[in-house]
Protein backbone atom coordinates (compact mmCIF):
# COMPACT_ATOMS: atom_id res chain seq x y z
CA MET A 1 12.15 2.34 -14.32
CA LEU A 2 8.98 4.09 -15.47
CA ARG A 3 8.30 7.32 -13.59
CA VAL A 4 4.62 8.27 -13.61
CA LEU A 5 2.92 11.31 -12.09
CA ASN A 6 -0.49 10.49 -10.62
CA LEU A 7 -2.18 13.58 -12.03
CA GLY A 8 -5.32 14.71 -10.24
CA ALA A 9 -5.22 18.06 -12.12
CA GLY A 10 -5.54 19.96 -8.85
CA VAL A 11 -3.15 22.35 -7.13
CA GLN A 12 -0.56 19.88 -5.87
CA SER A 13 -0.22 17.64 -8.91
CA THR A 14 -0.26 20.66 -11.23
CA THR A 15 2.71 22.02 -9.28
CA LEU A 16 4.57 18.74 -9.86
CA TYR A 17 3.69 18.70 -13.57
CA LEU A 18 5.08 22.21 -13.97
CA TRP A 19 8.23 21.18 -12.09
CA ALA A 20 8.65 18.41 -14.66
CA LEU A 21 7.95 20.86 -17.50
CA ASP A 22 10.69 23.16 -16.16
CA GLY A 23 13.18 20.32 -15.69
CA HIS A 24 13.08 20.23 -11.89
CA LEU A 25 11.42 16.80 -11.68
CA GLN A 26 11.84 13.73 -13.84
CA ILE A 27 8.67 12.04 -15.04
CA ASP A 28 8.05 9.96 -18.14
CA ARG A 29 4.33 10.64 -18.31
CA ALA A 30 1.34 11.73 -16.27
CA ILE A 31 -1.86 9.72 -15.91
CA PHE A 32 -5.24 11.23 -15.06
CA ALA A 33 -8.02 8.86 -13.98
CA ASP A 34 -11.33 10.30 -15.14
CA THR A 35 -14.44 9.57 -13.09
CA GLY A 36 -16.49 11.48 -15.64
CA ASP A 37 -17.72 13.79 -12.89
CA GLU A 38 -15.03 16.40 -12.35
CA PRO A 39 -16.04 20.07 -12.53
CA GLU A 40 -16.02 21.57 -16.00
CA ALA A 41 -13.12 23.79 -14.87
CA VAL A 42 -10.94 20.73 -14.21
CA TYR A 43 -11.44 19.38 -17.73
CA ARG A 44 -10.56 22.78 -19.17
CA HIS A 45 -7.48 22.86 -16.96
CA LEU A 46 -6.47 19.40 -18.13
CA ASP A 47 -6.64 20.61 -21.75
CA PHE A 48 -4.51 23.60 -20.76
CA LEU A 49 -1.83 21.35 -19.24
CA LYS A 50 -1.79 19.22 -22.39
CA SER A 51 -1.24 22.36 -24.48
CA LEU A 52 2.00 23.21 -22.64
CA GLY A 53 3.99 20.58 -24.51
CA GLY A 54 5.34 18.85 -21.42
CA PRO A 55 5.43 15.14 -20.58
CA GLU A 56 2.59 13.15 -22.11
CA ILE A 57 -0.71 13.28 -20.23
CA GLU A 58 -2.79 10.15 -20.60
CA VAL A 59 -6.43 9.93 -19.52
CA VAL A 60 -7.76 6.56 -18.39
CA LYS A 61 -11.40 5.67 -17.77
CA PRO A 62 -11.98 2.57 -15.65
CA PHE A 63 -15.55 1.90 -16.79
CA ALA A 64 -17.79 2.63 -19.73
CA THR A 65 -19.93 4.73 -17.40
CA SER A 66 -19.15 7.67 -15.16
CA LEU A 67 -19.22 7.37 -11.38
CA SER A 68 -22.54 9.23 -11.28
CA ASP A 69 -24.08 6.85 -13.84
CA ASN A 70 -22.73 3.94 -11.86
CA LEU A 71 -24.47 5.15 -8.71
CA ILE A 72 -27.77 5.33 -10.52
CA HIS A 73 -27.58 2.39 -12.93
CA GLY A 74 -24.73 0.16 -11.72
CA ILE A 75 -21.59 -0.92 -13.56
CA MET A 76 -22.16 -1.42 -17.27
CA PRO A 77 -20.02 -3.60 -19.54
CA GLU A 78 -18.06 -1.57 -22.05
CA GLU A 79 -19.92 -3.01 -25.03
CA GLY A 80 -23.52 -4.04 -25.56
CA ALA A 81 -24.95 -2.48 -22.41
CA GLU A 82 -27.88 -1.05 -24.33
CA ASN A 83 -28.93 -4.58 -25.39
CA LEU A 84 -29.07 -6.01 -21.89
CA PRO A 85 -32.41 -6.48 -20.11
CA GLU A 86 -33.08 -3.89 -17.43
CA PHE A 87 -33.02 -6.42 -14.59
CA VAL A 88 -29.50 -7.48 -15.65
CA ARG A 89 -28.30 -3.89 -15.66
CA LYS A 90 -29.84 -3.29 -12.24
CA ALA A 91 -28.04 -6.34 -10.87
CA ASN A 92 -24.62 -4.82 -11.53
CA THR A 93 -22.68 -3.83 -8.43
CA VAL A 94 -22.61 -0.18 -7.50
CA ILE A 95 -19.39 1.50 -6.38
CA SER A 96 -20.27 3.46 -3.28
CA ILE A 97 -19.24 6.96 -2.22
CA PRO A 98 -18.94 8.19 1.39
CA THR A 99 -22.47 9.53 1.76
CA PHE A 100 -23.93 10.76 5.04
CA LEU A 101 -26.32 8.20 6.49
CA SER A 102 -29.54 8.66 8.44
CA ASP A 103 -28.19 6.21 11.03
CA ASP A 104 -24.89 7.65 12.24
CA SER A 105 -24.25 4.96 14.86
CA ARG A 106 -21.33 3.61 12.78
CA GLY A 107 -19.62 6.88 12.11
CA GLY A 108 -22.32 8.39 9.98
CA MET A 109 -20.87 7.76 6.53
CA GLY A 110 -21.14 5.06 3.90
CA ARG A 111 -18.33 3.03 2.39
CA ARG A 112 -15.80 4.84 0.24
CA GLN A 113 -14.98 2.69 -2.79
CA CYS A 114 -14.83 5.44 -5.42
CA THR A 115 -11.16 6.33 -4.98
CA GLY A 116 -9.95 2.77 -5.23
CA GLU A 117 -12.10 1.73 -8.18
CA PHE A 118 -12.09 4.96 -10.20
CA LYS A 119 -8.66 6.41 -9.33
CA ILE A 120 -6.07 4.05 -7.83
CA LYS A 121 -6.81 0.80 -9.65
CA PRO A 122 -7.13 2.19 -13.20
CA ILE A 123 -3.89 4.16 -12.89
CA GLU A 124 -1.99 1.19 -11.52
CA ARG A 125 -3.53 -1.10 -14.12
CA ARG A 126 -2.28 1.20 -16.88
CA ILE A 127 1.19 1.48 -15.31
CA ARG A 128 1.45 -2.31 -15.20
CA GLU A 129 0.51 -2.47 -18.89
CA LEU A 130 3.17 0.10 -19.73
CA CYS A 131 5.73 -1.94 -17.79
CA GLY A 132 4.79 -5.12 -19.63
CA LEU A 133 3.20 -6.86 -16.66
CA ALA A 134 0.23 -9.09 -17.42
CA PRO A 135 -2.82 -9.05 -15.10
CA GLY A 136 -1.88 -10.86 -11.90
CA GLN A 137 1.77 -11.17 -12.89
CA ARG A 138 4.20 -10.62 -10.04
CA SER A 139 7.51 -8.83 -10.22
CA LYS A 140 10.36 -9.34 -7.78
CA GLU A 141 11.81 -5.96 -8.61
CA SER A 142 10.29 -2.50 -8.71
CA VAL A 143 9.68 -1.51 -12.34
CA SER A 144 7.93 1.83 -11.79
CA VAL A 145 7.73 4.85 -9.53
CA GLN A 146 4.46 6.62 -8.83
CA ILE A 147 4.92 10.31 -8.04
CA MET A 148 2.25 11.56 -5.67
CA GLY A 149 1.03 15.12 -5.12
CA LEU A 150 0.76 14.89 -1.34
CA SER A 151 2.11 17.94 0.43
CA PHE A 152 3.79 18.56 3.79
CA ASP A 153 0.48 19.37 5.50
CA GLU A 154 -0.82 15.88 4.70
CA PRO A 155 1.50 13.66 6.79
CA LYS A 156 -1.14 11.09 7.67
CA ARG A 157 -2.01 10.52 4.03
CA VAL A 158 1.68 10.15 3.18
CA VAL A 159 2.09 7.55 5.93
CA ASN A 160 -0.98 5.65 4.73
CA VAL A 161 0.19 5.57 1.12
CA LYS A 162 3.70 4.50 2.15
CA SER A 163 2.17 1.71 4.19
CA ARG A 164 0.19 0.48 1.21
CA PHE A 165 3.23 0.49 -1.05
CA GLN A 166 5.33 -1.55 1.39
CA SER A 167 3.40 -4.65 0.42
CA VAL A 168 3.79 -4.04 -3.34
CA ALA A 169 6.98 -5.16 -5.06
CA TRP A 170 6.46 -3.90 -8.62
CA THR A 171 6.11 -0.19 -7.85
CA ALA A 172 7.34 2.45 -5.43
CA ALA A 173 6.08 5.89 -4.39
CA GLU A 174 7.72 9.31 -4.19
CA PHE A 175 6.43 12.48 -2.52
CA PRO A 176 8.43 15.45 -3.89
CA LEU A 177 6.24 18.09 -2.26
CA PHE A 178 6.43 16.44 1.14
CA ASP A 179 10.18 15.96 0.81
CA GLU A 180 10.60 19.66 -0.01
CA PHE A 181 8.38 20.72 2.95
CA MET A 182 5.89 22.22 0.48
CA THR A 183 2.37 22.74 1.85
CA ARG A 184 -0.72 23.22 -0.27
CA ALA A 185 -0.55 26.94 0.47
CA ASP A 186 3.05 26.95 -0.80
CA CYS A 187 1.82 25.30 -4.00
CA VAL A 188 -0.86 27.96 -4.42
CA ALA A 189 1.77 30.69 -3.98
CA TYR A 190 4.04 28.96 -6.49
CA LEU A 191 1.26 28.66 -9.05
CA GLU A 192 0.33 32.32 -8.66
CA LYS A 193 3.85 33.22 -9.73
CA ARG A 194 4.28 30.46 -12.33
CA LEU A 195 0.87 31.00 -13.92
CA PRO A 196 -0.06 34.64 -13.26
CA GLU A 197 -3.70 35.55 -13.83
CA TYR A 198 -4.58 31.85 -14.03
CA THR A 199 -6.45 29.91 -11.35
CA VAL A 200 -5.94 26.18 -10.95
CA PRO A 201 -9.29 24.64 -9.95
CA ARG A 202 -9.79 22.28 -7.04
CA SER A 203 -10.02 18.70 -8.23
CA ALA A 204 -12.84 16.53 -6.86
CA CYS A 205 -16.07 15.05 -8.17
CA VAL A 206 -18.78 17.70 -8.22
CA PHE A 207 -20.90 15.66 -5.80
CA CYS A 208 -18.11 14.67 -3.40
CA PRO A 209 -19.59 14.57 0.15
CA TYR A 210 -16.34 15.98 1.55
CA HIS A 211 -17.10 19.41 0.08
CA SER A 212 -17.18 22.34 2.45
CA ASP A 213 -20.16 24.70 2.19
CA ALA A 214 -17.94 27.16 0.34
CA GLU A 215 -17.12 24.48 -2.22
CA TRP A 216 -20.78 23.50 -2.54
CA ARG A 217 -21.55 27.12 -3.30
CA ARG A 218 -18.90 27.18 -6.03
CA VAL A 219 -20.29 24.01 -7.56
CA LYS A 220 -23.81 25.45 -7.45
CA SER A 221 -22.65 28.47 -9.46
CA VAL A 222 -21.97 26.24 -12.49
CA ARG A 223 -25.33 25.02 -13.78
CA PRO A 224 -24.27 21.72 -15.47
CA ASP A 225 -22.23 20.72 -12.40
CA TRP A 226 -25.08 21.57 -10.02
CA GLU A 227 -27.63 19.67 -12.11
CA LYS A 228 -25.44 16.58 -11.80
CA VAL A 229 -25.17 17.07 -8.03
CA VAL A 230 -28.96 17.28 -7.69
CA ALA A 231 -29.45 14.21 -9.87
CA VAL A 232 -27.04 12.13 -7.78
CA ASP A 233 -28.46 13.37 -4.47
CA ARG A 234 -31.98 12.46 -5.56
CA ALA A 235 -30.82 9.06 -6.79
CA LEU A 236 -29.46 8.25 -3.33
CA ARG A 237 -33.05 8.12 -2.10
CA ASP A 238 -34.74 6.89 -5.28
CA PRO A 239 -35.95 3.26 -5.05
CA ALA A 240 -35.33 2.92 -8.80
CA SER A 241 -31.59 3.56 -8.50
CA VAL A 242 -28.96 0.93 -7.72
CA CYS A 243 -27.31 2.95 -4.96
CA PHE A 244 -30.62 3.01 -3.08
CA SER A 245 -31.33 -0.70 -3.41
CA GLN A 246 -28.08 -1.74 -1.73
CA MET A 247 -28.37 0.48 1.34
CA GLU A 248 -30.30 0.08 4.59
CA ASN A 249 -29.96 3.75 5.55
CA VAL A 250 -31.19 6.89 3.86
CA GLN A 251 -28.26 8.64 2.14
CA TYR A 252 -27.40 12.30 1.62
CA LEU A 253 -24.55 14.21 0.00
CA HIS A 254 -24.53 16.98 2.61
CA ARG A 255 -23.58 16.50 6.27
CA SER A 256 -26.84 18.18 7.33
CA ARG A 257 -28.63 15.06 6.08
CA LYS A 258 -31.03 17.12 4.03
CA PRO A 259 -31.74 17.01 0.30
CA ILE A 260 -29.01 19.11 -1.29
CA GLU A 261 -31.57 21.48 -2.83
CA GLU A 262 -32.84 22.40 0.65
CA VAL A 263 -29.46 23.15 2.22
CA GLU A 264 -28.47 26.73 2.98
CA PHE A 265 -24.71 26.75 2.64
CA VAL A 266 -22.98 28.65 5.42
CA ASP A 267 -19.30 29.56 5.53
CA LYS A 268 -17.64 28.83 8.85
CA PRO A 269 -14.58 30.66 10.21
CA GLN A 270 -11.38 29.09 8.91
CA SER A 271 -9.45 27.13 11.52
CA ARG A 272 -6.23 25.16 11.45
CA GLN A 273 -8.17 21.92 11.70
CA SER A 274 -10.49 22.78 8.83
CA SER A 275 -7.53 23.82 6.68
CA LEU A 276 -6.26 20.25 6.93
CA SER A 277 -9.58 18.55 6.24
CA PHE A 278 -10.62 16.74 3.08
CA SER A 279 -12.92 19.64 2.21
CA THR A 280 -9.97 21.91 1.37
CA MET A 281 -7.89 19.34 -0.49
CA ASP A 282 -7.83 18.14 -4.06
CA CYS A 283 -8.72 14.57 -4.88
CA GLU A 284 -5.37 13.45 -6.26
CA GLY A 285 -6.46 9.84 -6.42
CA MET A 286 -5.29 9.00 -2.92
CA CYS A 287 -8.07 9.94 -0.53
CA GLY A 288 -9.20 7.03 1.58
CA VAL A 289 -5.97 5.04 1.36
């Protein structure tokens, strides 16, 4: 029974990795699915975790391109992409993110495919390989356990993930934080003691539309991350990009439905509801399920 930590490299999954390092949680390895668009701080943090000498941390990349490149140019084959005619490259399917749409009559946001294609599927594909299961091969028995960093203040997400796993025979899910009544705030407090004078960054793509204004401001303070945000936001409305060609509505990264460069980020008073929103959580590879 292979025990794998779905490592998002944020607060919750870092807590679980340290539990494993200290012998409080059994895992065989951790797997991080790389979209290619995490903040620079997350990649540095991932290197730090690898340096601790704990369970093996494996990084998987689902496509030859990053999510941001995919939005602009479409999915590229892993080899020979540079030799393909432009019209063939443009024809590749784009994996959408939950952008804010000019027409909000259907809820105001676009389809969210990024988590499934760049996080969930590549991790599960790799776990199946490690368990000796061929693509499409079924297993009557559970051969792996996926350990999820969902905390006690995320009950709906836990229920949704459990529901998804009920229809899957080859793997099961565990939620150690939820089972121990650990909230995200509890994890932060634990990390402050376990790693004094060290800050674990929030894990999410730099251009994730679920960012709060405070998070947008933090992203903007790191020039390479902000340049990527601006490039993606512009591409959403650029007729030359793939993500534009497959949408009927005008798309924006910010809920104000303005170009990100024109938005004045304003902090709002913290409320209980906002503390449980996507904007304050890490993307541990499970949002949207």
